[in-house]
Amino acid sequence: MDSGIGLLAATAAVRRLRPDADLVLSLDPDGMPWGPRTPEDLTRRALDVAEAAAARRPDALIVGCNTASVHALPALRARLEPGIPVIGTVPAIKPAAAGGGPFAIWATPATTGSAYQRGLIEDFAAGVPVTEVPCWGLAEAIEHADEAAIEAAVTAAAALTPDDVTTVVLGCTHYELVAERIRAAVQRPGAAPLVLHGSAGAVAAQALRRLGEQPATGAPADGGLTVLLSGREGELPAAALHYAEGRLLPAVGRFADRR
């Protein structure tokens, strides 16, 4: 679940690990974007989207959204667990800090400066220089596959990123869809290759662990795909096909049969 197509990164990671898994994608186009909402309003929207997915009786729910994980994860777990394990998405601050060099966290304005993110920095990055970079408008631009807006938002965020940064944490799942654009914007001439840390792979692996399942990358590619749009069954948004992660989904599973 997510407000929009930011969930594609984790979805594609699950699909690669288990091409036989039936997937339900629960999005909230009626309420997107979630970032500017108050924590209380965002939590209400997240609960509605989660309950629409839960009605399909899934084995687990992945919250494929950093902002929703920051603000709504306790409420989601209180509502759905233990019947449905809820896996949140946490910015990859711990592995970034392990590198030892200065790093930046690119995130939505709602996540940047939040007590949750500051707590992760204090717990895992003590003594390491960290810059929190609010990426105004980037998630929305990616959501609509607006190339000009993506370029402008990436450029603006790169200008806020210190030159000595060696690593960037992608603290919004939408950003993983344009990771190479971000790398190109932040990479300094003559510097070591920039390291990017996303969360999709770790989240997918954690979901399998919670279910006691193992990766089966060679399993038959026959997993189904159901898309819920603010609770209504529909189709994958056209903008999703702008990204490699979105194009992977119709190519695997029964998406074409559902159109």
C-alpha atoms as a PDB file:
ATOM      1  CA  MET A   1       0.000   0.000   0.000  1.00  0.00           C
ATOM      2  CA  ASP A   2       0.988   3.590  -0.647  1.00  0.00           C
ATOM      3  CA  SER A   3      -0.604   6.854  -1.626  1.00  0.00           C
ATOM      4  CA  GLY A   4       0.538   6.213  -5.186  1.00  0.00           C
ATOM      5  CA  ILE A   5       3.052   4.453  -7.387  1.00  0.00           C
ATOM      6  CA  GLY A   6       5.889   4.722  -4.871  1.00  0.00           C
ATOM      7  CA  LEU A   7       4.944   1.171  -3.931  1.00  0.00           C
ATOM      8  CA  LEU A   8       6.287  -0.020  -7.296  1.00  0.00           C
ATOM      9  CA  ALA A   9       9.842  -0.362  -5.955  1.00  0.00           C
ATOM     10  CA  ALA A  10       8.882  -2.821  -3.211  1.00  0.00           C
ATOM     11  CA  THR A  11       6.342  -4.521  -5.481  1.00  0.00           C
ATOM     12  CA  ALA A  12       8.961  -5.177  -8.130  1.00  0.00           C
ATOM     13  CA  ALA A  13      11.354  -6.477  -5.468  1.00  0.00           C
ATOM     14  CA  VAL A  14       8.716  -8.933  -4.227  1.00  0.00           C
ATOM     15  CA  ARG A  15       7.906  -9.942  -7.792  1.00  0.00           C
ATOM     16  CA  ARG A  16      11.558 -10.712  -8.504  1.00  0.00           C
ATOM     17  CA  LEU A  17      11.892 -12.808  -5.345  1.00  0.00           C
ATOM     18  CA  ARG A  18       8.560 -14.592  -5.782  1.00  0.00           C
ATOM     19  CA  PRO A  19       7.198 -14.387  -9.356  1.00  0.00           C
ATOM     20  CA  ASP A  20       4.486 -16.824  -8.276  1.00  0.00           C
ATOM     21  CA  ALA A  21       3.046 -14.512  -5.590  1.00  0.00           C
ATOM     22  CA  ASP A  22      -0.400 -12.994  -6.070  1.00  0.00           C
ATOM     23  CA  LEU A  23      -0.092  -9.271  -5.352  1.00  0.00           C
ATOM     24  CA  VAL A  24      -2.666  -6.668  -4.352  1.00  0.00           C
ATOM     25  CA  LEU A  25      -1.610  -3.046  -4.847  1.00  0.00           C
ATOM     26  CA  SER A  26      -3.704  -0.610  -2.804  1.00  0.00           C
ATOM     27  CA  LEU A  27      -3.214   3.033  -3.842  1.00  0.00           C
ATOM     28  CA  ASP A  28      -5.010   6.241  -2.874  1.00  0.00           C
ATOM     29  CA  PRO A  29      -5.341   8.470  -5.949  1.00  0.00           C
ATOM     30  CA  ASP A  30      -8.257  10.287  -4.294  1.00  0.00           C
ATOM     31  CA  GLY A  31      -6.007  11.332  -1.401  1.00  0.00           C
ATOM     32  CA  MET A  32      -2.583  11.609  -3.013  1.00  0.00           C
ATOM     33  CA  PRO A  33      -0.238  13.215  -2.001  1.00  0.00           C
ATOM     34  CA  TRP A  34      -0.092  12.178   1.638  1.00  0.00           C
ATOM     35  CA  GLY A  35       3.008  14.199   2.467  1.00  0.00           C
ATOM     36  CA  PRO A  36       1.298  17.597   3.004  1.00  0.00           C
ATOM     37  CA  ARG A  37      -1.477  16.082   5.177  1.00  0.00           C
ATOM     38  CA  THR A  38      -1.514  16.283   8.947  1.00  0.00           C
ATOM     39  CA  PRO A  39      -0.375  13.097  10.712  1.00  0.00           C
ATOM     40  CA  GLU A  40      -3.955  12.466  11.830  1.00  0.00           C
ATOM     41  CA  ASP A  41      -5.415  12.880   8.344  1.00  0.00           C
ATOM     42  CA  LEU A  42      -2.645  10.801   6.790  1.00  0.00           C
ATOM     43  CA  THR A  43      -3.292   8.032   9.307  1.00  0.00           C
ATOM     44  CA  ARG A  44      -6.998   7.992   8.428  1.00  0.00           C
ATOM     45  CA  ARG A  45      -6.197   7.716   4.720  1.00  0.00           C
ATOM     46  CA  ALA A  46      -3.625   4.988   5.348  1.00  0.00           C
ATOM     47  CA  LEU A  47      -6.078   2.959   7.434  1.00  0.00           C
ATOM     48  CA  ASP A  48      -8.697   3.166   4.671  1.00  0.00           C
ATOM     49  CA  VAL A  49      -6.206   2.025   2.027  1.00  0.00           C
ATOM     50  CA  ALA A  50      -4.924  -0.759   4.274  1.00  0.00           C
ATOM     51  CA  GLU A  51      -8.417  -2.022   5.065  1.00  0.00           C
ATOM     52  CA  ALA A  52      -9.269  -2.139   1.359  1.00  0.00           C
ATOM     53  CA  ALA A  53      -6.243  -4.404   0.894  1.00  0.00           C
ATOM     54  CA  ALA A  54      -7.030  -6.410   4.036  1.00  0.00           C
ATOM     55  CA  ALA A  55     -10.467  -7.235   2.651  1.00  0.00           C
ATOM     56  CA  ARG A  56      -8.644  -9.359   0.039  1.00  0.00           C
ATOM     57  CA  ARG A  57      -7.241 -11.468   2.913  1.00  0.00           C
ATOM     58  CA  PRO A  58      -3.518 -11.069   2.143  1.00  0.00           C
ATOM     59  CA  ASP A  59      -0.824 -13.010   3.969  1.00  0.00           C
ATOM     60  CA  ALA A  60       0.978  -9.760   4.806  1.00  0.00           C
ATOM     61  CA  LEU A  61       0.757  -6.023   4.208  1.00  0.00           C
ATOM     62  CA  ILE A  62       3.771  -4.013   3.058  1.00  0.00           C
ATOM     63  CA  VAL A  63       3.531  -0.299   3.773  1.00  0.00           C
ATOM     64  CA  GLY A  64       5.461   0.800   0.699  1.00  0.00           C
ATOM     65  CA  CYS A  65       5.655   4.412   1.845  1.00  0.00           C
ATOM     66  CA  ASN A  66       8.142   6.060   4.180  1.00  0.00           C
ATOM     67  CA  THR A  67       5.788   8.877   5.183  1.00  0.00           C
ATOM     68  CA  ALA A  68       2.985   6.453   6.082  1.00  0.00           C
ATOM     69  CA  SER A  69       5.455   4.297   8.005  1.00  0.00           C
ATOM     70  CA  VAL A  70       6.622   7.355   9.966  1.00  0.00           C
ATOM     71  CA  HIS A  71       3.143   8.492  10.960  1.00  0.00           C
ATOM     72  CA  ALA A  72       0.686   5.599  10.626  1.00  0.00           C
ATOM     73  CA  LEU A  73       2.572   2.362  11.298  1.00  0.00           C
ATOM     74  CA  PRO A  74       1.478   2.000  14.968  1.00  0.00           C
ATOM     75  CA  ALA A  75      -2.173   2.507  14.004  1.00  0.00           C
ATOM     76  CA  LEU A  76      -1.918   0.057  11.112  1.00  0.00           C
ATOM     77  CA  ARG A  77      -0.360  -2.603  13.310  1.00  0.00           C
ATOM     78  CA  ALA A  78      -2.943  -2.034  16.042  1.00  0.00           C
ATOM     79  CA  ARG A  79      -5.744  -2.477  13.491  1.00  0.00           C
ATOM     80  CA  LEU A  80      -4.423  -5.468  11.506  1.00  0.00           C
ATOM     81  CA  GLU A  81      -1.965  -7.483  13.579  1.00  0.00           C
ATOM     82  CA  PRO A  82      -1.600 -10.268  14.562  1.00  0.00           C
ATOM     83  CA  GLY A  83      -3.923 -11.515  11.813  1.00  0.00           C
ATOM     84  CA  ILE A  84      -2.006  -9.724   9.041  1.00  0.00           C
ATOM     85  CA  PRO A  85       1.696  -8.942   9.600  1.00  0.00           C
ATOM     86  CA  VAL A  86       2.447  -5.309   8.704  1.00  0.00           C
ATOM     87  CA  ILE A  87       5.894  -4.522   7.291  1.00  0.00           C
ATOM     88  CA  GLY A  88       6.902  -0.872   7.322  1.00  0.00           C
ATOM     89  CA  THR A  89       9.470   0.933   5.203  1.00  0.00           C
ATOM     90  CA  VAL A  90      12.334   2.462   7.162  1.00  0.00           C
ATOM     91  CA  PRO A  91      14.925   4.787   5.582  1.00  0.00           C
ATOM     92  CA  ALA A  92      18.207   2.907   5.150  1.00  0.00           C
ATOM     93  CA  ILE A  93      20.055   5.104   7.635  1.00  0.00           C
ATOM     94  CA  LYS A  94      21.844   2.263   9.454  1.00  0.00           C
ATOM     95  CA  PRO A  95      23.665   0.853   6.380  1.00  0.00           C
ATOM     96  CA  ALA A  96      24.426   4.380   5.161  1.00  0.00           C
ATOM     97  CA  ALA A  97      26.018   5.289   8.479  1.00  0.00           C
ATOM     98  CA  ALA A  98      28.068   2.088   8.413  1.00  0.00           C
ATOM     99  CA  GLY A  99      29.962   3.547   5.461  1.00  0.00           C
ATOM    100  CA  GLY A 100      31.367   6.183   7.791  1.00  0.00           C
ATOM    101  CA  GLY A 101      31.295   9.090   5.351  1.00  0.00           C
ATOM    102  CA  PRO A 102      29.001  12.111   5.304  1.00  0.00           C
ATOM    103  CA  PHE A 103      25.596  11.226   3.897  1.00  0.00           C
ATOM    104  CA  ALA A 104      22.316  12.894   3.004  1.00  0.00           C
ATOM    105  CA  ILE A 105      18.766  11.694   3.477  1.00  0.00           C
ATOM    106  CA  TRP A 106      16.453  12.749   0.679  1.00  0.00           C
ATOM    107  CA  ALA A 107      12.863  12.602   1.929  1.00  0.00           C
ATOM    108  CA  THR A 108       9.493  14.301   1.656  1.00  0.00           C
ATOM    109  CA  PRO A 109       9.059  17.473   3.708  1.00  0.00           C
ATOM    110  CA  ALA A 110       6.699  15.498   6.006  1.00  0.00           C
ATOM    111  CA  THR A 111       9.418  12.969   6.810  1.00  0.00           C
ATOM    112  CA  THR A 112      12.347  15.394   6.903  1.00  0.00           C
ATOM    113  CA  GLY A 113      12.884  16.598  10.424  1.00  0.00           C
ATOM    114  CA  SER A 114      10.285  14.226  11.858  1.00  0.00           C
ATOM    115  CA  ALA A 115      10.893  12.801  15.331  1.00  0.00           C
ATOM    116  CA  TYR A 116      10.924   9.330  13.764  1.00  0.00           C
ATOM    117  CA  GLN A 117      13.710  10.134  11.295  1.00  0.00           C
ATOM    118  CA  ARG A 118      15.662  12.094  13.889  1.00  0.00           C
ATOM    119  CA  GLY A 119      15.420   9.078  16.188  1.00  0.00           C
ATOM    120  CA  LEU A 120      16.878   6.808  13.515  1.00  0.00           C
ATOM    121  CA  ILE A 121      19.730   9.249  12.994  1.00  0.00           C
ATOM    122  CA  GLU A 122      20.456   9.355  16.739  1.00  0.00           C
ATOM    123  CA  ASP A 123      20.261   5.562  17.047  1.00  0.00           C
ATOM    124  CA  PHE A 124      22.306   4.582  14.008  1.00  0.00           C
ATOM    125  CA  ALA A 125      24.349   7.559  12.804  1.00  0.00           C
ATOM    126  CA  ALA A 126      25.838   9.075  15.942  1.00  0.00           C
ATOM    127  CA  GLY A 127      29.075  10.825  15.047  1.00  0.00           C
ATOM    128  CA  VAL A 128      28.460  10.667  11.271  1.00  0.00           C
ATOM    129  CA  PRO A 129      27.651  13.933   9.455  1.00  0.00           C
ATOM    130  CA  VAL A 130      24.059  13.724   8.198  1.00  0.00           C
ATOM    131  CA  THR A 131      22.144  16.249   6.108  1.00  0.00           C
ATOM    132  CA  GLU A 132      18.359  15.993   5.884  1.00  0.00           C
ATOM    133  CA  VAL A 133      17.224  17.186   2.466  1.00  0.00           C
ATOM    134  CA  PRO A 134      13.526  18.022   1.929  1.00  0.00           C
ATOM    135  CA  CYS A 135      12.604  17.204  -1.666  1.00  0.00           C
ATOM    136  CA  TRP A 136       9.762  19.569  -2.447  1.00  0.00           C
ATOM    137  CA  GLY A 137       7.463  18.277  -5.189  1.00  0.00           C
ATOM    138  CA  LEU A 138       9.621  15.307  -6.190  1.00  0.00           C
ATOM    139  CA  ALA A 139       7.227  12.534  -5.152  1.00  0.00           C
ATOM    140  CA  GLU A 140       4.341  14.292  -6.904  1.00  0.00           C
ATOM    141  CA  ALA A 141       6.398  14.778 -10.081  1.00  0.00           C
ATOM    142  CA  ILE A 142       7.359  11.096 -10.117  1.00  0.00           C
ATOM    143  CA  GLU A 143       3.740  10.107  -9.447  1.00  0.00           C
ATOM    144  CA  HIS A 144       2.667  11.881 -12.643  1.00  0.00           C
ATOM    145  CA  ALA A 145       5.775  10.955 -14.673  1.00  0.00           C
ATOM    146  CA  ASP A 146       6.287  14.691 -15.268  1.00  0.00           C
ATOM    147  CA  GLU A 147       9.821  14.796 -16.638  1.00  0.00           C
ATOM    148  CA  ALA A 148      10.268  18.558 -16.407  1.00  0.00           C
ATOM    149  CA  ALA A 149       9.030  18.624 -12.808  1.00  0.00           C
ATOM    150  CA  ILE A 150      11.211  15.635 -11.890  1.00  0.00           C
ATOM    151  CA  GLU A 151      14.265  17.382 -13.316  1.00  0.00           C
ATOM    152  CA  ALA A 152      13.489  20.618 -11.456  1.00  0.00           C
ATOM    153  CA  ALA A 153      12.852  18.870  -8.120  1.00  0.00           C
ATOM    154  CA  VAL A 154      15.977  16.700  -8.378  1.00  0.00           C
ATOM    155  CA  THR A 155      18.091  19.722  -9.280  1.00  0.00           C
ATOM    156  CA  ALA A 156      16.722  21.707  -6.328  1.00  0.00           C
ATOM    157  CA  ALA A 157      17.383  18.863  -3.878  1.00  0.00           C
ATOM    158  CA  ALA A 158      20.879  18.305  -5.276  1.00  0.00           C
ATOM    159  CA  ALA A 159      21.644  21.985  -4.616  1.00  0.00           C
ATOM    160  CA  LEU A 160      20.811  21.388  -0.919  1.00  0.00           C
ATOM    161  CA  THR A 161      23.113  18.352  -0.749  1.00  0.00           C
ATOM    162  CA  PRO A 162      26.654  19.100   0.507  1.00  0.00           C
ATOM    163  CA  ASP A 163      29.485  18.500  -1.939  1.00  0.00           C
ATOM    164  CA  ASP A 164      31.299  16.109   0.397  1.00  0.00           C
ATOM    165  CA  VAL A 165      28.394  13.666   0.676  1.00  0.00           C
ATOM    166  CA  THR A 166      29.433  10.130  -0.288  1.00  0.00           C
ATOM    167  CA  THR A 167      26.050   8.450   0.156  1.00  0.00           C
ATOM    168  CA  VAL A 168      22.397   9.359  -0.339  1.00  0.00           C
ATOM    169  CA  VAL A 169      19.575   7.576   1.469  1.00  0.00           C
ATOM    170  CA  LEU A 170      16.418   7.523  -0.636  1.00  0.00           C
ATOM    171  CA  GLY A 171      13.931   8.217   2.135  1.00  0.00           C
ATOM    172  CA  CYS A 172      10.823   8.078  -0.048  1.00  0.00           C
ATOM    173  CA  THR A 173       9.870   5.026  -2.045  1.00  0.00           C
ATOM    174  CA  HIS A 174       8.963   7.169  -5.058  1.00  0.00           C
ATOM    175  CA  TYR A 175      12.598   8.273  -5.307  1.00  0.00           C
ATOM    176  CA  GLU A 176      13.806   4.730  -5.952  1.00  0.00           C
ATOM    177  CA  LEU A 177      12.045   4.921  -9.334  1.00  0.00           C
ATOM    178  CA  VAL A 178      14.452   7.681 -10.448  1.00  0.00           C
ATOM    179  CA  ALA A 179      17.531   6.559  -8.533  1.00  0.00           C
ATOM    180  CA  GLU A 180      19.916   6.974 -11.449  1.00  0.00           C
ATOM    181  CA  ARG A 181      18.650  10.511 -12.097  1.00  0.00           C
ATOM    182  CA  ILE A 182      19.435  11.337  -8.480  1.00  0.00           C
ATOM    183  CA  ARG A 183      22.869   9.728  -8.727  1.00  0.00           C
ATOM    184  CA  ALA A 184      23.732  11.788 -11.804  1.00  0.00           C
ATOM    185  CA  ALA A 185      22.596  15.020 -10.138  1.00  0.00           C
ATOM    186  CA  VAL A 186      24.581  14.516  -6.906  1.00  0.00           C
ATOM    187  CA  GLN A 187      27.734  12.831  -8.248  1.00  0.00           C
ATOM    188  CA  ARG A 188      30.646  15.278  -8.107  1.00  0.00           C
ATOM    189  CA  PRO A 189      33.319  15.214 -10.844  1.00  0.00           C
ATOM    190  CA  GLY A 190      36.425  13.359  -9.693  1.00  0.00           C
ATOM    191  CA  ALA A 191      34.745  12.028  -6.543  1.00  0.00           C
ATOM    192  CA  ALA A 192      34.279   8.342  -5.719  1.00  0.00           C
ATOM    193  CA  PRO A 193      31.076   6.841  -7.131  1.00  0.00           C
ATOM    194  CA  LEU A 194      28.078   7.946  -5.089  1.00  0.00           C
ATOM    195  CA  VAL A 195      26.383   5.221  -3.027  1.00  0.00           C
ATOM    196  CA  LEU A 196      22.581   5.129  -2.995  1.00  0.00           C
ATOM    197  CA  HIS A 197      20.571   3.285  -0.352  1.00  0.00           C
ATOM    198  CA  GLY A 198      16.934   2.407  -0.987  1.00  0.00           C
ATOM    199  CA  SER A 199      14.639   0.187   1.054  1.00  0.00           C
ATOM    200  CA  ALA A 200      12.744  -1.950  -1.471  1.00  0.00           C
ATOM    201  CA  GLY A 201      14.966  -5.033  -1.406  1.00  0.00           C
ATOM    202  CA  ALA A 202      15.169  -5.132   2.384  1.00  0.00           C
ATOM    203  CA  VAL A 203      11.413  -4.652   2.748  1.00  0.00           C
ATOM    204  CA  ALA A 204      10.640  -7.473   0.316  1.00  0.00           C
ATOM    205  CA  ALA A 205      13.061  -9.801   2.103  1.00  0.00           C
ATOM    206  CA  GLN A 206      11.577  -8.889   5.493  1.00  0.00           C
ATOM    207  CA  ALA A 207       8.063  -9.662   4.246  1.00  0.00           C
ATOM    208  CA  LEU A 208       9.159 -13.163   3.236  1.00  0.00           C
ATOM    209  CA  ARG A 209      10.891 -13.672   6.577  1.00  0.00           C
ATOM    210  CA  ARG A 210       7.769 -12.644   8.498  1.00  0.00           C
ATOM    211  CA  LEU A 211       5.819 -15.280   6.562  1.00  0.00           C
ATOM    212  CA  GLY A 212       8.450 -17.987   6.934  1.00  0.00           C
ATOM    213  CA  GLU A 213       8.851 -18.067   3.152  1.00  0.00           C
ATOM    214  CA  GLN A 214      11.989 -18.317   1.040  1.00  0.00           C
ATOM    215  CA  PRO A 215      12.885 -16.547  -2.207  1.00  0.00           C
ATOM    216  CA  ALA A 216      12.053 -18.635  -5.255  1.00  0.00           C
ATOM    217  CA  THR A 217      13.264 -16.589  -8.186  1.00  0.00           C
ATOM    218  CA  GLY A 218      12.862 -19.553 -10.514  1.00  0.00           C
ATOM    219  CA  ALA A 219       9.219 -20.173  -9.605  1.00  0.00           C
ATOM    220  CA  PRO A 220       6.625 -20.021 -12.409  1.00  0.00           C
ATOM    221  CA  ALA A 221       5.880 -16.413 -13.329  1.00  0.00           C
ATOM    222  CA  ASP A 222       2.157 -16.835 -12.831  1.00  0.00           C
ATOM    223  CA  GLY A 223       1.478 -14.512  -9.887  1.00  0.00           C
ATOM    224  CA  GLY A 224      -1.675 -12.450 -10.279  1.00  0.00           C
ATOM    225  CA  LEU A 225      -2.040  -8.694  -9.852  1.00  0.00           C
ATOM    226  CA  THR A 226      -5.007  -6.796  -8.437  1.00  0.00           C
ATOM    227  CA  VAL A 227      -4.993  -2.986  -8.277  1.00  0.00           C
ATOM    228  CA  LEU A 228      -7.180  -1.050  -5.831  1.00  0.00           C
ATOM    229  CA  LEU A 229      -7.617   2.693  -6.367  1.00  0.00           C
ATOM    230  CA  SER A 230      -8.926   4.280  -3.146  1.00  0.00           C
ATOM    231  CA  GLY A 231     -10.712   1.001  -2.524  1.00  0.00           C
ATOM    232  CA  ARG A 232     -12.062   0.489  -6.066  1.00  0.00           C
ATOM    233  CA  GLU A 233     -10.656  -2.257  -8.271  1.00  0.00           C
ATOM    234  CA  GLY A 234      -9.016  -0.738 -11.319  1.00  0.00           C
ATOM    235  CA  GLU A 235      -5.888  -0.730 -13.441  1.00  0.00           C
ATOM    236  CA  LEU A 236      -2.276   0.135 -12.802  1.00  0.00           C
ATOM    237  CA  PRO A 237      -1.980   3.910 -13.389  1.00  0.00           C
ATOM    238  CA  ALA A 238      -0.576   4.740 -16.818  1.00  0.00           C
ATOM    239  CA  ALA A 239       2.280   6.692 -15.212  1.00  0.00           C
ATOM    240  CA  ALA A 240       3.531   3.443 -13.634  1.00  0.00           C
ATOM    241  CA  LEU A 241       4.562   2.183 -17.052  1.00  0.00           C
ATOM    242  CA  HIS A 242       6.981   5.105 -17.355  1.00  0.00           C
ATOM    243  CA  TYR A 243       9.283   3.246 -14.942  1.00  0.00           C
ATOM    244  CA  ALA A 244      11.074  -0.096 -15.262  1.00  0.00           C
ATOM    245  CA  GLU A 245       9.506  -1.318 -12.007  1.00  0.00           C
ATOM    246  CA  GLY A 246       6.027  -0.682 -13.365  1.00  0.00           C
ATOM    247  CA  ARG A 247       6.733  -2.274 -16.721  1.00  0.00           C
ATOM    248  CA  LEU A 248       7.878  -5.425 -14.939  1.00  0.00           C
ATOM    249  CA  LEU A 249       4.419  -6.048 -13.486  1.00  0.00           C
ATOM    250  CA  PRO A 250       2.328  -6.408 -16.652  1.00  0.00           C
ATOM    251  CA  ALA A 251       5.094  -8.538 -18.133  1.00  0.00           C
ATOM    252  CA  VAL A 252       4.790 -11.015 -15.264  1.00  0.00           C
ATOM    253  CA  GLY A 253       1.509 -12.356 -13.987  1.00  0.00           C
ATOM    254  CA  ARG A 254      -2.010 -11.924 -15.271  1.00  0.00           C
ATOM    255  CA  PHE A 255      -2.307  -8.150 -15.512  1.00  0.00           C
ATOM    256  CA  ALA A 256      -3.078  -8.280 -19.237  1.00  0.00           C
ATOM    257  CA  ASP A 257      -5.933 -10.707 -18.612  1.00  0.00           C
ATOM    258  CA  ARG A 258      -7.538  -8.323 -16.112  1.00  0.00           C
ATOM    259  CA  ARG A 259      -7.704  -5.303 -18.403  1.00  0.00           C
END
